[in-house]
Amino acid sequence: MAAPTYDLWNDVIETVIRLHAPLFEAMKRAKKDLILSRALVDELKNKGFKEIQERDWNFLLIIESYEDEIGGFKIYLLAAEKSEVYQQSKVNAAIAQSTSMEDLRGFEMEHGLDLNEEIFEAIEDFYDISAESTSDGLLFELVVFDSDDIDDSGRGLETWS
């Protein structure tokens, strides 16, 4: 087994992201194919979510309302992954780099690193998808629409009136 180095560490991160690429690309396609309409927004406001299927993937579309003067909101596309699946992707990435998770954990401790944090940051940087760990696993969020973007452009009040 190879002793971890910063290059190997980065290779593990890239491998984990590559293993998740089909999911992230499906999320991007689902966002691109989604037609935002008043009816969809009303459905989301009433129901809180909508199931979306993109080929072999299932996602949730959810809405989060802002406490603002114009009734602003953000719409997310969500995907969930069980902890075991994510942990196995890290193990597979370590094996692909001829190291072990134990050696990587030791490298983390020695250098003050956090593999999950680095993976999540890289996912956000590359795919614009945020990732967070929950008690049940991982949650991936892709912003589909944010009314703040319209507000920030100075057209907010006219658009939502």
Protein backbone atom coordinates (compact mmCIF):
# COMPACT_ATOMS: atom_id res chain seq x y z
CA MET A 1 0.00 0.00 0.00
CA ALA A 2 1.13 3.50 -0.82
CA ALA A 3 1.63 5.97 2.00
CA PRO A 4 -0.75 8.91 1.57
CA THR A 5 0.59 12.15 0.15
CA TYR A 6 -1.24 15.34 -0.81
CA ASP A 7 -1.27 14.20 -4.44
CA LEU A 8 -2.75 10.83 -3.48
CA TRP A 9 -5.24 12.61 -1.19
CA ASN A 10 -6.39 14.78 -4.11
CA ASP A 11 -6.59 11.73 -6.37
CA VAL A 12 -8.94 10.05 -3.87
CA ILE A 13 -11.15 13.15 -3.86
CA GLU A 14 -11.24 13.21 -7.67
CA THR A 15 -12.04 9.48 -7.79
CA VAL A 16 -14.96 9.86 -5.36
CA ILE A 17 -16.33 12.69 -7.49
CA ARG A 18 -15.91 10.65 -10.69
CA LEU A 19 -17.82 7.79 -9.05
CA HIS A 20 -20.67 10.24 -8.37
CA ALA A 21 -20.52 11.92 -11.78
CA PRO A 22 -23.50 10.00 -13.24
CA LEU A 23 -25.71 11.23 -10.38
CA PHE A 24 -24.54 14.83 -10.69
CA GLU A 25 -24.91 14.82 -14.47
CA ALA A 26 -28.44 13.42 -14.11
CA MET A 27 -29.26 16.23 -11.67
CA LYS A 28 -27.96 18.80 -14.17
CA ARG A 29 -30.03 17.24 -16.99
CA ALA A 30 -33.14 17.20 -14.81
CA LYS A 31 -32.62 20.89 -14.03
CA LYS A 32 -32.12 21.71 -17.69
CA ASP A 33 -35.24 19.76 -18.72
CA LEU A 34 -37.41 21.26 -15.99
CA ILE A 35 -39.94 23.82 -17.17
CA LEU A 36 -40.65 26.32 -14.44
CA SER A 37 -44.21 27.53 -14.60
CA ARG A 38 -46.68 29.25 -12.33
CA ALA A 39 -48.55 25.91 -12.05
CA LEU A 40 -45.39 24.11 -10.90
CA VAL A 41 -44.59 26.82 -8.35
CA ASP A 42 -48.17 26.69 -7.05
CA GLU A 43 -47.99 22.88 -6.80
CA LEU A 44 -44.73 23.11 -4.88
CA LYS A 45 -46.13 25.78 -2.57
CA ASN A 46 -49.20 23.63 -1.85
CA LYS A 47 -47.57 20.21 -1.62
CA GLY A 48 -44.04 21.20 -0.61
CA PHE A 49 -42.34 18.83 -3.02
CA LYS A 50 -42.65 17.02 -6.34
CA GLU A 51 -40.99 13.80 -7.38
CA ILE A 52 -38.92 14.08 -10.55
CA GLN A 53 -37.54 11.17 -12.54
CA GLU A 54 -34.62 11.53 -14.92
CA ARG A 55 -33.89 8.24 -16.64
CA ASP A 56 -32.87 5.85 -13.85
CA TRP A 57 -32.68 8.52 -11.14
CA ASN A 58 -35.35 9.79 -8.75
CA PHE A 59 -35.15 13.28 -7.30
CA LEU A 60 -37.27 15.57 -5.20
CA LEU A 61 -38.05 19.10 -6.20
CA ILE A 62 -38.72 21.26 -3.15
CA ILE A 63 -39.49 24.89 -2.50
CA GLU A 64 -38.25 27.07 0.33
CA SER A 65 -40.06 30.34 0.91
CA TYR A 66 -38.29 33.49 2.04
CA GLU A 67 -39.63 35.79 4.69
CA ASP A 68 -39.58 38.80 2.38
CA GLU A 69 -41.97 41.42 1.05
CA ILE A 70 -42.51 39.84 -2.36
CA GLY A 71 -43.05 36.20 -1.43
CA GLY A 72 -39.68 35.11 -2.71
CA PHE A 73 -38.57 31.50 -2.83
CA LYS A 74 -35.85 29.08 -3.82
CA ILE A 75 -36.44 25.77 -5.63
CA TYR A 76 -34.02 22.88 -5.14
CA LEU A 77 -33.53 19.53 -6.80
CA LEU A 78 -32.53 16.98 -4.16
CA ALA A 79 -30.89 13.58 -4.31
CA ALA A 80 -30.13 11.36 -1.35
CA GLU A 81 -27.49 8.69 -0.91
CA LYS A 82 -27.17 6.19 1.91
CA SER A 83 -24.11 6.53 4.11
CA GLU A 84 -23.00 3.01 3.23
CA VAL A 85 -22.90 3.84 -0.49
CA TYR A 86 -20.88 6.98 0.11
CA GLN A 87 -18.49 5.23 2.51
CA GLN A 88 -17.98 2.46 -0.05
CA SER A 89 -17.17 5.03 -2.75
CA LYS A 90 -14.40 6.41 -0.49
CA VAL A 91 -13.07 2.89 0.17
CA ASN A 92 -13.11 2.15 -3.58
CA ALA A 93 -11.32 5.44 -4.28
CA ALA A 94 -8.65 4.64 -1.69
CA ILE A 95 -8.14 1.16 -3.15
CA ALA A 96 -7.89 2.64 -6.65
CA GLN A 97 -5.03 4.79 -5.33
CA SER A 98 -3.35 1.79 -3.66
CA THR A 99 -3.98 2.99 -0.13
CA SER A 100 -6.47 2.28 2.65
CA MET A 101 -9.03 4.33 4.53
CA GLU A 102 -7.08 3.73 7.72
CA ASP A 103 -3.97 5.27 6.15
CA LEU A 104 -6.07 8.19 4.84
CA ARG A 105 -7.58 8.78 8.29
CA GLY A 106 -4.07 8.86 9.76
CA PHE A 107 -3.02 11.34 7.06
CA GLU A 108 -6.08 13.47 7.90
CA MET A 109 -5.22 13.53 11.59
CA GLU A 110 -1.57 14.30 10.94
CA HIS A 111 -2.28 17.20 8.57
CA GLY A 112 -5.56 18.55 9.97
CA LEU A 113 -7.59 17.56 6.92
CA ASP A 114 -11.16 16.39 6.50
CA LEU A 115 -11.83 14.15 3.50
CA ASN A 116 -15.60 14.70 3.53
CA GLU A 117 -15.22 18.47 3.70
CA GLU A 118 -12.78 18.46 0.79
CA ILE A 119 -15.02 16.18 -1.29
CA PHE A 120 -18.09 18.35 -0.60
CA GLU A 121 -16.20 21.54 -1.54
CA ALA A 122 -14.93 19.96 -4.76
CA ILE A 123 -18.46 18.83 -5.69
CA GLU A 124 -19.74 22.35 -5.18
CA ASP A 125 -16.86 23.89 -7.12
CA PHE A 126 -17.14 21.52 -10.07
CA TYR A 127 -20.89 20.78 -10.26
CA ASP A 128 -22.46 23.68 -8.31
CA ILE A 129 -24.19 21.04 -6.18
CA SER A 130 -24.00 21.31 -2.42
CA ALA A 131 -23.53 18.17 -0.37
CA GLU A 132 -24.19 17.64 3.29
CA SER A 133 -24.07 14.73 5.64
CA THR A 134 -27.27 13.87 7.50
CA SER A 135 -28.10 11.22 10.06
CA ASP A 136 -29.46 9.02 7.24
CA GLY A 137 -26.75 9.60 4.66
CA LEU A 138 -25.87 12.32 2.20
CA LEU A 139 -28.06 14.96 0.66
CA PHE A 140 -27.14 16.63 -2.62
CA GLU A 141 -28.86 19.93 -3.50
CA LEU A 142 -28.92 21.74 -6.81
CA VAL A 143 -30.55 25.17 -6.91
CA VAL A 144 -33.04 25.26 -9.78
CA PHE A 145 -34.41 28.75 -9.17
CA ASP A 146 -33.78 31.51 -6.66
CA SER A 147 -35.98 34.60 -6.67
CA ASP A 148 -33.13 36.50 -4.97
CA ASP A 149 -31.36 36.35 -8.33
CA ILE A 150 -34.22 38.34 -9.82
CA ASP A 151 -34.39 40.64 -6.81
CA ASP A 152 -30.67 41.29 -7.08
CA SER A 153 -31.02 42.25 -10.73
CA GLY A 154 -33.46 45.01 -9.79
CA ARG A 155 -36.48 43.46 -11.49
CA GLY A 156 -37.91 41.65 -8.46
CA LEU A 157 -40.94 43.72 -7.63
CA GLU A 158 -42.22 43.89 -11.19
CA THR A 159 -41.73 40.17 -11.74
CA TRP A 160 -43.56 38.96 -8.64
CA SER A 161 -46.32 41.61 -8.48
